[in-house]
N, C-alpha and C. Protein backbone atom coordinates (compact mmCIF):
# COMPACT_ATOMS: atom_id res chain seq x y z
N GLU A 1 10.11 -11.37 -51.16
CA GLU A 1 9.77 -10.26 -50.36
C GLU A 1 9.12 -10.23 -48.94
N GLY A 2 9.45 -9.46 -48.29
CA GLY A 2 8.46 -9.60 -46.95
C GLY A 2 7.60 -9.50 -46.71
N GLU A 3 6.90 -10.14 -45.53
CA GLU A 3 5.31 -10.06 -45.56
C GLU A 3 5.23 -8.99 -44.95
N GLU A 4 3.98 -8.79 -44.95
CA GLU A 4 3.10 -7.52 -44.27
C GLU A 4 2.99 -7.72 -42.92
N PRO A 5 3.15 -6.56 -41.94
CA PRO A 5 2.38 -7.08 -40.48
C PRO A 5 0.82 -7.22 -40.60
N LEU A 6 0.54 -8.02 -39.97
CA LEU A 6 -0.69 -8.35 -39.55
C LEU A 6 -1.80 -7.68 -39.07
N PRO A 7 -3.23 -7.10 -39.73
CA PRO A 7 -3.71 -6.07 -38.90
C PRO A 7 -4.43 -6.25 -37.52
N PRO A 8 -3.90 -5.21 -36.89
CA PRO A 8 -4.89 -5.30 -35.47
C PRO A 8 -5.86 -6.42 -35.18
N TRP A 9 -7.02 -5.98 -35.61
CA TRP A 9 -8.03 -6.77 -35.81
C TRP A 9 -7.96 -8.58 -35.68
N ILE A 10 -6.80 -9.07 -36.83
CA ILE A 10 -7.06 -10.31 -37.01
C ILE A 10 -5.78 -10.80 -35.74
N ARG A 11 -4.81 -9.87 -35.64
CA ARG A 11 -4.09 -10.24 -34.41
C ARG A 11 -4.82 -10.50 -33.24
N GLY A 12 -5.70 -9.59 -33.09
CA GLY A 12 -6.49 -9.62 -31.60
C GLY A 12 -7.01 -10.98 -31.90
N GLU A 13 -7.90 -11.51 -32.72
CA GLU A 13 -8.89 -12.53 -33.18
C GLU A 13 -7.75 -13.87 -32.56
N ARG A 14 -6.49 -13.85 -33.22
CA ARG A 14 -5.43 -15.00 -33.01
C ARG A 14 -5.16 -14.96 -31.29
N GLU A 15 -5.08 -13.71 -30.52
CA GLU A 15 -4.79 -13.84 -29.67
C GLU A 15 -6.02 -14.54 -28.61
N ARG A 16 -7.19 -13.94 -28.96
CA ARG A 16 -8.35 -14.61 -28.05
C ARG A 16 -8.40 -16.08 -28.64
N LYS A 17 -8.27 -16.69 -29.50
CA LYS A 17 -8.60 -17.82 -29.89
C LYS A 17 -7.36 -18.47 -29.23
N LEU A 18 -6.53 -18.22 -29.31
CA LEU A 18 -5.04 -18.97 -28.63
C LEU A 18 -5.35 -19.36 -27.02
N ALA A 19 -5.90 -17.79 -26.71
CA ALA A 19 -5.95 -17.82 -25.03
C ALA A 19 -7.19 -18.73 -24.51
N ALA A 20 -8.50 -19.11 -25.58
CA ALA A 20 -9.32 -19.84 -25.37
C ALA A 20 -9.20 -21.36 -25.41
N ASP A 21 -7.82 -21.50 -26.37
CA ASP A 21 -7.88 -23.09 -26.60
C ASP A 21 -6.52 -23.29 -25.43
N GLU A 22 -5.82 -22.27 -24.83
CA GLU A 22 -4.76 -23.07 -23.91
C GLU A 22 -5.74 -22.38 -22.48
N GLY A 23 -5.16 -23.56 -21.43
CA GLY A 23 -5.60 -23.34 -20.01
C GLY A 23 -4.58 -21.89 -19.27
N SER A 24 -5.30 -21.60 -18.52
CA SER A 24 -4.77 -20.40 -18.19
C SER A 24 -3.92 -21.04 -16.91
N ASP A 25 -2.48 -20.26 -16.83
CA ASP A 25 -1.18 -20.38 -16.10
C ASP A 25 -0.97 -19.32 -15.72
N LEU A 26 0.00 -19.60 -14.34
CA LEU A 26 0.24 -18.12 -13.56
C LEU A 26 1.66 -17.88 -14.99
N LEU A 27 1.55 -16.36 -14.44
CA LEU A 27 2.87 -15.99 -15.25
C LEU A 27 4.11 -16.33 -14.89
N PHE A 28 5.14 -16.54 -15.61
CA PHE A 28 6.41 -16.94 -15.14
C PHE A 28 7.04 -16.16 -14.23
N PRO A 29 6.59 -14.87 -14.42
CA PRO A 29 7.87 -14.10 -13.25
C PRO A 29 7.15 -14.19 -12.03
N VAL A 30 5.86 -15.13 -11.87
CA VAL A 30 5.65 -15.28 -10.58
C VAL A 30 5.69 -16.26 -10.36
N TYR A 31 6.35 -17.29 -10.72
CA TYR A 31 7.24 -18.70 -10.86
C TYR A 31 8.62 -18.34 -10.48
N LEU A 32 8.93 -17.64 -10.86
CA LEU A 32 10.56 -17.20 -10.56
C LEU A 32 10.97 -16.48 -9.66
N ILE A 33 9.85 -15.33 -9.02
CA ILE A 33 9.75 -14.63 -7.78
C ILE A 33 9.98 -15.54 -6.73
N GLY A 34 8.68 -16.68 -6.54
CA GLY A 34 8.23 -17.28 -5.99
C GLY A 34 9.55 -18.51 -5.85
N SER A 35 10.64 -19.04 -7.03
CA SER A 35 11.55 -19.69 -6.79
C SER A 35 12.58 -19.22 -5.79
N ALA A 36 12.75 -17.50 -5.93
CA ALA A 36 14.12 -17.09 -5.66
C ALA A 36 13.38 -17.00 -4.11
N LEU A 37 12.48 -16.37 -3.44
CA LEU A 37 12.26 -16.73 -2.40
C LEU A 37 12.38 -18.09 -1.39
N VAL A 38 11.74 -18.96 -2.34
CA VAL A 38 11.92 -20.10 -1.15
C VAL A 38 13.56 -20.73 -1.17
N ALA A 39 14.41 -20.47 -2.04
CA ALA A 39 15.75 -20.84 -2.33
C ALA A 39 16.55 -19.65 -0.91
N ILE A 40 16.28 -18.48 -1.15
CA ILE A 40 16.79 -17.56 0.02
C ILE A 40 16.38 -17.93 1.13
N ALA A 41 15.29 -18.29 1.52
CA ALA A 41 14.52 -18.75 2.79
C ALA A 41 15.16 -20.25 2.89
N ALA A 42 15.43 -21.28 2.35
CA ALA A 42 16.18 -22.72 2.76
C ALA A 42 17.64 -22.49 2.95
N VAL A 43 18.54 -21.20 2.05
CA VAL A 43 19.74 -21.02 2.43
C VAL A 43 19.43 -19.86 4.16
N GLY A 44 18.76 -19.15 4.06
CA GLY A 44 19.03 -18.53 5.29
C GLY A 44 18.19 -19.39 6.65
N SER A 45 17.61 -20.69 6.30
CA SER A 45 17.31 -21.39 7.35
C SER A 45 18.38 -22.37 8.07
N ILE A 46 19.48 -22.47 7.10
CA ILE A 46 20.59 -23.59 6.77
C ILE A 46 21.35 -22.32 7.88
N PHE A 47 21.57 -21.10 7.39
CA PHE A 47 22.46 -20.44 8.19
C PHE A 47 22.20 -20.04 10.00
N GLU A 48 20.60 -19.94 9.72
CA GLU A 48 20.11 -20.01 11.31
C GLU A 48 20.33 -21.22 12.02
N PHE A 49 20.37 -22.19 11.49
CA PHE A 49 20.75 -23.45 11.94
C PHE A 49 21.98 -23.38 12.70
N ALA A 50 22.83 -23.29 11.89
CA ALA A 50 24.56 -23.23 12.36
C ALA A 50 24.85 -22.32 12.78
N ASN A 51 23.97 -21.11 13.09
CA ASN A 51 24.69 -20.25 13.87
C ASN A 51 23.45 -20.28 15.21
N ARG A 52 22.46 -21.08 15.32
CA ARG A 52 21.82 -21.30 16.40
C ARG A 52 21.09 -20.24 16.61
N ASN A 53 20.54 -19.60 15.52
CA ASN A 53 19.72 -18.15 16.08
C ASN A 53 18.55 -18.12 16.39
N PRO A 54 17.29 -17.45 16.91
CA PRO A 54 16.21 -17.56 17.28
C PRO A 54 15.17 -17.33 15.57
N ILE A 55 14.26 -18.47 15.57
CA ILE A 55 13.67 -18.16 14.19
C ILE A 55 12.80 -16.91 14.11
N PHE A 56 12.83 -15.88 13.28
CA PHE A 56 12.47 -14.69 13.34
C PHE A 56 12.43 -13.68 14.46
N GLY A 57 13.56 -14.20 15.19
CA GLY A 57 13.53 -13.28 16.62
C GLY A 57 12.52 -13.75 17.35
N VAL A 58 11.88 -15.00 17.41
CA VAL A 58 10.81 -15.63 18.29
C VAL A 58 11.19 -16.67 19.06
N LEU A 59 11.33 -17.64 18.29
CA LEU A 59 11.55 -18.80 18.77
C LEU A 59 12.92 -19.03 18.87
N PRO A 60 13.19 -19.79 20.26
CA PRO A 60 14.78 -19.54 20.56
C PRO A 60 15.11 -21.21 20.30
N PRO A 61 16.37 -21.14 20.35
CA PRO A 61 16.95 -22.81 20.15
C PRO A 61 16.43 -23.36 21.37
N SER A 62 16.18 -22.95 22.27
CA SER A 62 15.54 -23.92 23.67
C SER A 62 14.67 -24.81 22.94
N ASN A 63 13.48 -23.86 22.19
CA ASN A 63 12.56 -24.64 21.78
C ASN A 63 12.43 -25.76 21.25
N PHE A 64 11.48 -26.90 21.83
CA PHE A 64 11.77 -28.35 20.84
C PHE A 64 10.94 -28.16 19.44
N LEU A 65 10.85 -27.22 18.94
CA LEU A 65 10.10 -27.08 17.45
C LEU A 65 11.04 -26.19 16.92
N TRP A 66 12.35 -25.97 17.37
CA TRP A 66 13.33 -24.65 16.64
C TRP A 66 13.98 -25.86 15.58
N ALA A 67 14.38 -26.76 16.11
CA ALA A 67 15.22 -27.55 15.07
C ALA A 67 14.43 -28.05 13.49
N PRO A 68 13.20 -28.65 14.12
CA PRO A 68 12.39 -29.29 13.10
C PRO A 68 11.55 -27.86 12.21
N ILE A 69 11.26 -26.89 12.62
CA ILE A 69 11.25 -25.97 11.77
C ILE A 69 12.17 -25.77 10.59
N LEU A 70 13.34 -25.42 11.17
CA LEU A 70 14.57 -24.89 10.26
C LEU A 70 14.93 -26.00 9.59
N LEU A 71 15.00 -27.32 10.03
CA LEU A 71 15.16 -28.16 8.97
C LEU A 71 14.51 -28.81 7.53
N PHE A 72 12.80 -28.81 8.32
CA PHE A 72 11.91 -28.88 7.29
C PHE A 72 11.93 -27.51 6.04
N PHE A 73 12.39 -26.34 6.53
CA PHE A 73 12.23 -25.39 5.64
C PHE A 73 13.81 -25.69 4.55
N SER A 74 14.94 -26.02 5.27
CA SER A 74 16.10 -26.27 4.43
C SER A 74 15.77 -27.38 3.82
N ILE A 75 15.21 -28.49 4.17
CA ILE A 75 15.37 -29.79 3.18
C ILE A 75 14.17 -29.64 2.00
N THR A 76 13.00 -29.07 2.19
CA THR A 76 11.93 -28.97 1.56
C THR A 76 11.93 -27.47 0.72
N GLY A 77 13.10 -26.44 0.85
CA GLY A 77 13.14 -25.39 0.00
C GLY A 77 13.89 -25.58 -0.95
N PHE A 78 14.93 -26.39 -1.18
CA PHE A 78 15.86 -26.61 -2.44
C PHE A 78 14.78 -27.12 -3.30
N PRO A 79 14.27 -28.47 -3.32
CA PRO A 79 13.61 -28.89 -3.95
C PRO A 79 11.93 -28.23 -4.73
N SER A 80 11.69 -27.25 -3.81
CA SER A 80 10.36 -26.37 -4.06
C SER A 80 11.04 -25.37 -5.08
N ALA A 81 12.15 -24.92 -4.66
CA ALA A 81 12.59 -23.46 -5.30
C ALA A 81 12.83 -24.46 -6.97
N GLY A 82 13.66 -25.49 -7.14
CA GLY A 82 13.88 -26.09 -8.62
C GLY A 82 12.78 -26.18 -9.19
N PHE A 83 11.59 -26.80 -8.47
CA PHE A 83 10.25 -26.70 -9.05
C PHE A 83 9.62 -25.59 -9.70
N LEU A 84 9.41 -24.68 -8.48
CA LEU A 84 9.06 -23.31 -9.30
C LEU A 84 9.92 -22.85 -10.30
N PHE A 85 11.41 -23.01 -10.41
CA PHE A 85 12.07 -22.36 -11.50
C PHE A 85 11.83 -23.10 -12.60
N PHE A 86 11.53 -24.66 -12.42
CA PHE A 86 11.15 -25.37 -13.76
C PHE A 86 9.92 -24.70 -14.45
N LYS A 87 9.00 -24.79 -13.50
CA LYS A 87 7.63 -24.25 -13.82
C LYS A 87 7.94 -22.52 -14.55
N ALA A 88 8.84 -21.87 -13.96
CA ALA A 88 8.96 -20.74 -14.86
C ALA A 88 9.41 -20.65 -16.18
N ILE A 89 10.65 -21.78 -16.31
CA ILE A 89 10.77 -21.72 -17.70
C ILE A 89 10.05 -22.23 -18.38
N THR A 90 8.85 -23.44 -18.14
CA THR A 90 8.18 -24.18 -19.00
C THR A 90 6.78 -22.79 -19.50
N ALA A 91 6.41 -21.85 -18.28
CA ALA A 91 5.86 -20.64 -18.78
C ALA A 91 6.24 -19.98 -19.46
N ALA A 92 7.59 -19.80 -19.35
CA ALA A 92 8.11 -18.68 -20.38
C ALA A 92 8.26 -19.42 -22.07
N ASN A 93 8.43 -20.61 -22.04
CA ASN A 93 8.58 -20.93 -23.16
C ASN A 93 7.17 -20.90 -23.63
N LYS A 94 6.25 -21.50 -23.12
CA LYS A 94 4.63 -21.67 -23.59
C LYS A 94 4.53 -20.34 -23.69
N GLU A 95 4.64 -19.46 -23.32
CA GLU A 95 4.64 -18.01 -23.65
C GLU A 95 4.77 -17.60 -24.89
N ALA A 96 6.37 -17.80 -25.16
CA ALA A 96 7.08 -17.68 -26.37
C ALA A 96 6.46 -18.36 -27.60
N GLU A 97 5.96 -19.26 -27.36
CA GLU A 97 5.42 -20.72 -28.21
C GLU A 97 4.18 -19.58 -28.65
N ARG A 98 3.56 -19.15 -27.82
CA ARG A 98 2.22 -18.35 -28.12
C ARG A 98 2.31 -17.39 -28.76
N GLN A 99 3.34 -16.54 -28.50
CA GLN A 99 3.16 -14.92 -28.97
C GLN A 99 3.99 -15.29 -30.65
N ASP A 100 4.80 -16.70 -30.70
CA ASP A 100 5.00 -16.78 -31.82
C ASP A 100 4.05 -17.21 -33.15
N LYS A 101 3.21 -17.93 -32.61
CA LYS A 101 2.22 -18.41 -33.18
C LYS A 101 0.99 -17.52 -33.60
N ILE A 102 0.99 -16.73 -32.58
CA ILE A 102 0.48 -15.34 -33.05
C ILE A 102 0.80 -14.27 -33.90
N ASP A 103 2.33 -14.23 -33.99
CA ASP A 103 3.10 -13.74 -35.03
C ASP A 103 3.11 -14.30 -36.28
N GLY A 104 2.51 -15.62 -36.08
CA GLY A 104 2.38 -16.70 -37.56
C GLY A 104 3.43 -17.48 -37.91
N TYR A 105 4.48 -17.76 -37.26
CA TYR A 105 5.33 -18.45 -37.00
C TYR A 105 5.08 -19.95 -36.78
């Protein structure tokens, strides 16, 4: 036969105990949004560099900092986006495991 659901007070105690045992981490949507924004910025930097557009309409291509800034964004953006995506997946899996423990699985 199926198990009966846990009473709310027992479920709350489990949640508090698990939250106290585990360190706090950012929520996975925060990492996921950060990953998407960084990836978009990296791709945008490549297009800005290829089309020789001013950075944010402020820094013209004739400025000596124009190329280093865009190259920095494009080169560091993809690994950073990948790292943030990995952190998002890890945090989501951790949250799913925590919820499974609360549910008694």
